């Protein structure tokens, strides 16, 4: 067994891939499949109830893991930091997850993954407008390409605002803007907490608000008729897409740096689009392909600047 493992590792190294590369590829695969798996589960479990169960479970597990790994260093250093984490958690988890999950009941997994992938471009644009970062030529080009790609993907729905698909795209765009605010909010926290602790605490503080807004959903869930596939989707979205993927991603950022991991994150919409075909029968379109190419190119340019 040891010799077999050693031979596999040698082949991986000869291919130019490290263990960190393989870890990031695994996370990309988990997150890419998550769009289709969640979308399928939402046909049986209402979106807000699904999001509440998912984040309640993940927040407990992730916070427990964070304390096991960091001890008292995982605690917010003061009350002001805790309240800031609460507001960031409300925007980045309560509102974001409500928009993200409900959006997937209306739009395709491919469109959802492409639109949410524009978040770095919105972060760069907002940071430039607020004077946090200086706008460079490559950044401006990247923002323009990413936004143009989103407009192309959304325009495929047609100009009728009454269409549920278009509404789903717009809700996912709102989710991307929420994650932009979350990202900028995290930057104001300073160096007192690790990225893992910030993720855990913002999950925990986001759960109460999510539980409140999901109350109407609980009244229309027929739990005895929920299939194994839907329960599997909930467990996958909780244990793999949140807990395991976040832990692996944070470790990869610590080892390889944010610039290198950012490149891998651009592959998520591609993986999501390709997996949506065999998993839930969503055949990709040429417009999605062109829009996706614009979005990924724009995000890469934005992150290089």
Foldseek 3Di string as FASTA:
>chain_A
DVVVVVVVQVVCVVVVHHPLNVLLLVLLLLLLQLLQLLLVLCVAAPQLVLLLLQLVLQLVVLLVVCCVVPPPLLDQPDPVLLVLLLVLLQLQRQLLSSLLRVLSPQAPSLLLLLLLLLLLLLLLVVCCVVVVDPDDPLSVLLNVLQVVLLCLSLCVVPDDPPHSHNVSSVSSNSSSVSVSVSVVSVVVSPDSHAPSSSLSSSSVSNNVSSVVVCVVSVVPRPPVPRDPSSVVSSCSCRVPNRNVSVVSLSVSCVVPNPLVSSLSSLCNSVSNQVSSCVSVNDHDDPSSVSSSVSNSSSSNSNSVD
